[in-house]
């Protein structure tokens, strides 16, 4: 697989700006003031309305579709569309950092948020590489990148959901 570093670098340079635009356009989650001894809770307890949850659902849906599509070179356009939808979902997810599993403050909270953003940037880079591999018809690179995405998903879930 031949990578075009200038294309990737330019795209990553635009990632921060794009995330800012998505964040500015997306509704920000609101919290209800907690009662004494209680933790803050989202105003809408419905997890389905959470933009981060919705973006991760879109990632999962397209990841599952991509697994089937990447086996058939004739479905390259459909596979590219799935990758593009995942790229858009990553940008939404990047703008909505999950709450830490345990209470963090100051530098620890900043480190948590930066680590999440780095993981999402890594996922975005993997998706860009998948886009190139699909375009070039590099099935071996696609398999490797698909596995890498699975590893990134597992890392994200262990760190930001399971707390391991």
Protein backbone atom coordinates (compact mmCIF):
# COMPACT_ATOMS: atom_id res chain seq x y z
CA UNK A 1 0.00 0.00 0.00
CA UNK A 2 1.38 3.36 -0.98
CA UNK A 3 0.46 6.16 1.39
CA UNK A 4 0.31 9.76 0.32
CA UNK A 5 1.60 11.55 3.43
CA UNK A 6 0.70 15.02 2.17
CA UNK A 7 -2.96 14.03 1.78
CA UNK A 8 -3.06 12.47 5.23
CA UNK A 9 -1.20 15.38 6.84
CA UNK A 10 -3.52 17.89 5.20
CA UNK A 11 -6.57 15.96 6.33
CA UNK A 12 -5.28 15.66 9.90
CA UNK A 13 -4.50 19.37 9.92
CA UNK A 14 -8.12 20.02 9.04
CA UNK A 15 -9.35 17.59 11.70
CA UNK A 16 -9.06 20.11 14.51
CA UNK A 17 -10.91 22.77 12.54
CA UNK A 18 -13.59 20.31 11.47
CA UNK A 19 -14.05 19.10 15.05
CA UNK A 20 -14.45 22.70 16.16
CA UNK A 21 -17.14 23.27 13.54
CA UNK A 22 -18.95 20.07 14.51
CA UNK A 23 -18.76 21.01 18.19
CA UNK A 24 -20.08 24.49 17.50
CA UNK A 25 -22.99 23.13 15.45
CA UNK A 26 -23.84 20.23 17.77
CA UNK A 27 -26.07 20.65 20.77
CA UNK A 28 -24.00 20.45 23.91
CA UNK A 29 -25.14 18.07 26.63
CA UNK A 30 -26.66 19.79 29.60
CA UNK A 31 -26.56 18.62 33.17
CA UNK A 32 -29.04 18.94 35.95
CA UNK A 33 -27.68 20.35 39.20
CA UNK A 34 -27.13 17.36 41.48
CA UNK A 35 -28.83 17.13 44.81
CA UNK A 36 -26.54 16.95 47.79
CA UNK A 37 -24.71 13.61 47.77
CA UNK A 38 -25.84 12.78 44.23
CA UNK A 39 -23.81 12.82 41.03
CA UNK A 40 -24.64 15.07 38.06
CA UNK A 41 -26.93 13.35 35.57
CA UNK A 42 -27.67 14.22 31.96
CA UNK A 43 -30.83 16.28 31.61
CA UNK A 44 -32.16 13.74 29.13
CA UNK A 45 -31.44 10.31 30.53
CA UNK A 46 -32.25 8.82 27.14
CA UNK A 47 -28.92 7.50 25.89
CA UNK A 48 -30.24 7.47 22.32
CA UNK A 49 -30.23 11.29 22.21
CA UNK A 50 -26.53 11.47 23.12
CA UNK A 51 -24.47 12.56 20.07
CA UNK A 52 -21.48 10.46 21.21
CA UNK A 53 -23.66 7.36 21.53
CA UNK A 54 -25.23 8.00 18.13
CA UNK A 55 -21.83 8.47 16.48
CA UNK A 56 -20.53 5.24 18.02
CA UNK A 57 -23.66 3.41 16.81
CA UNK A 58 -22.98 4.73 13.30
CA UNK A 59 -19.38 3.50 13.59
CA UNK A 60 -20.54 0.04 14.67
CA UNK A 61 -23.17 -0.20 11.93
CA UNK A 62 -20.71 0.79 9.20
CA UNK A 63 -17.92 -1.37 10.62
CA UNK A 64 -20.19 -4.39 10.38
CA UNK A 65 -21.20 -3.47 6.81
CA UNK A 66 -17.58 -2.85 5.83
CA UNK A 67 -16.56 -6.33 6.97
CA UNK A 68 -18.80 -7.77 4.25
CA UNK A 69 -18.22 -5.08 1.61
CA UNK A 70 -14.42 -5.16 1.64
CA UNK A 71 -14.44 -8.81 0.50
CA UNK A 72 -15.96 -7.85 -2.85
CA UNK A 73 -13.92 -5.49 -5.06
CA UNK A 74 -17.09 -4.76 -7.06
CA UNK A 75 -18.56 -3.09 -3.95
CA UNK A 76 -15.71 -0.60 -3.62
CA UNK A 77 -18.03 2.43 -3.82
CA UNK A 78 -20.29 1.07 -1.08
CA UNK A 79 -17.25 0.29 1.07
CA UNK A 80 -15.90 3.81 0.54
CA UNK A 81 -19.29 5.25 1.52
CA UNK A 82 -19.17 3.23 4.77
CA UNK A 83 -15.67 4.54 5.50
CA UNK A 84 -16.81 8.11 4.79
CA UNK A 85 -19.74 7.70 7.20
CA UNK A 86 -17.34 6.41 9.86
CA UNK A 87 -15.05 9.39 9.27
CA UNK A 88 -18.00 11.74 9.84
CA UNK A 89 -18.98 9.80 12.98
CA UNK A 90 -15.44 10.14 14.35
CA UNK A 91 -15.61 13.91 13.92
CA UNK A 92 -18.86 14.02 15.87
CA UNK A 93 -17.40 11.73 18.53
CA UNK A 94 -14.28 13.86 18.77
CA UNK A 95 -16.39 16.86 19.70
CA UNK A 96 -18.09 14.97 22.56
CA UNK A 97 -15.52 13.74 25.05
CA UNK A 98 -17.04 11.15 27.40
CA UNK A 99 -17.20 11.83 31.10
CA UNK A 100 -14.44 10.08 33.05
CA UNK A 101 -15.50 6.86 34.78
CA UNK A 102 -14.15 8.18 38.06
CA UNK A 103 -14.06 11.79 39.23
CA UNK A 104 -11.07 13.63 37.81
CA UNK A 105 -9.97 17.23 38.19
CA UNK A 106 -7.30 19.54 36.86
CA UNK A 107 -4.42 17.92 35.01
CA UNK A 108 -5.89 14.42 35.33
CA UNK A 109 -9.09 15.56 33.59
CA UNK A 110 -7.11 17.29 30.86
CA UNK A 111 -5.01 14.13 30.37
CA UNK A 112 -8.21 12.05 30.12
CA UNK A 113 -9.70 14.36 27.50
CA UNK A 114 -6.49 14.57 25.46
CA UNK A 115 -6.04 10.77 25.51
CA UNK A 116 -9.60 10.35 24.17
CA UNK A 117 -8.99 12.91 21.41
CA UNK A 118 -5.72 11.19 20.47
CA UNK A 119 -7.48 7.83 20.23
CA UNK A 120 -10.18 9.36 18.01
CA UNK A 121 -7.50 10.99 15.83
CA UNK A 122 -5.84 7.58 15.54
CA UNK A 123 -9.15 6.02 14.48
CA UNK A 124 -9.58 8.79 11.89
CA UNK A 125 -6.09 8.14 10.54
CA UNK A 126 -6.85 4.41 10.27
CA UNK A 127 -10.01 5.23 8.33
CA UNK A 128 -8.05 7.48 5.96
CA UNK A 129 -5.60 4.64 5.37
CA UNK A 130 -8.56 2.31 4.71
CA UNK A 131 -9.88 4.77 2.16
CA UNK A 132 -6.55 4.66 0.32
CA UNK A 133 -6.36 0.85 0.55
CA UNK A 134 -9.88 0.55 -0.87
CA UNK A 135 -9.02 2.92 -3.70
CA UNK A 136 -5.90 0.94 -4.53
CA UNK A 137 -7.62 -2.45 -4.13
CA UNK A 138 -5.09 -3.55 -1.48
CA UNK A 139 -6.99 -6.39 0.23
CA UNK A 140 -4.12 -7.28 2.59
CA UNK A 141 -3.81 -3.71 3.85
CA UNK A 142 -7.58 -3.55 4.29
CA UNK A 143 -7.59 -6.66 6.48
CA UNK A 144 -4.75 -5.28 8.59
CA UNK A 145 -6.45 -1.89 8.96
CA UNK A 146 -9.79 -3.51 9.79
CA UNK A 147 -8.11 -5.46 12.59
CA UNK A 148 -6.43 -2.25 13.78
CA UNK A 149 -9.85 -0.57 13.94
CA UNK A 150 -11.12 -3.48 16.04
CA UNK A 151 -8.20 -3.00 18.41
CA UNK A 152 -8.88 0.73 18.66
CA UNK A 153 -12.53 0.02 19.39
CA UNK A 154 -11.57 -2.42 22.14
CA UNK A 155 -9.11 0.08 23.64
CA UNK A 156 -11.74 2.82 23.64
CA UNK A 157 -14.37 0.64 25.25
CA UNK A 158 -12.00 -0.65 27.91
CA UNK A 159 -10.77 2.84 28.75
CA UNK A 160 -13.93 4.94 28.45
CA UNK A 161 -16.75 2.47 29.19
CA UNK A 162 -15.40 -0.44 31.22
CA UNK A 163 -12.75 1.53 33.12
CA UNK A 164 -9.97 -1.04 32.72
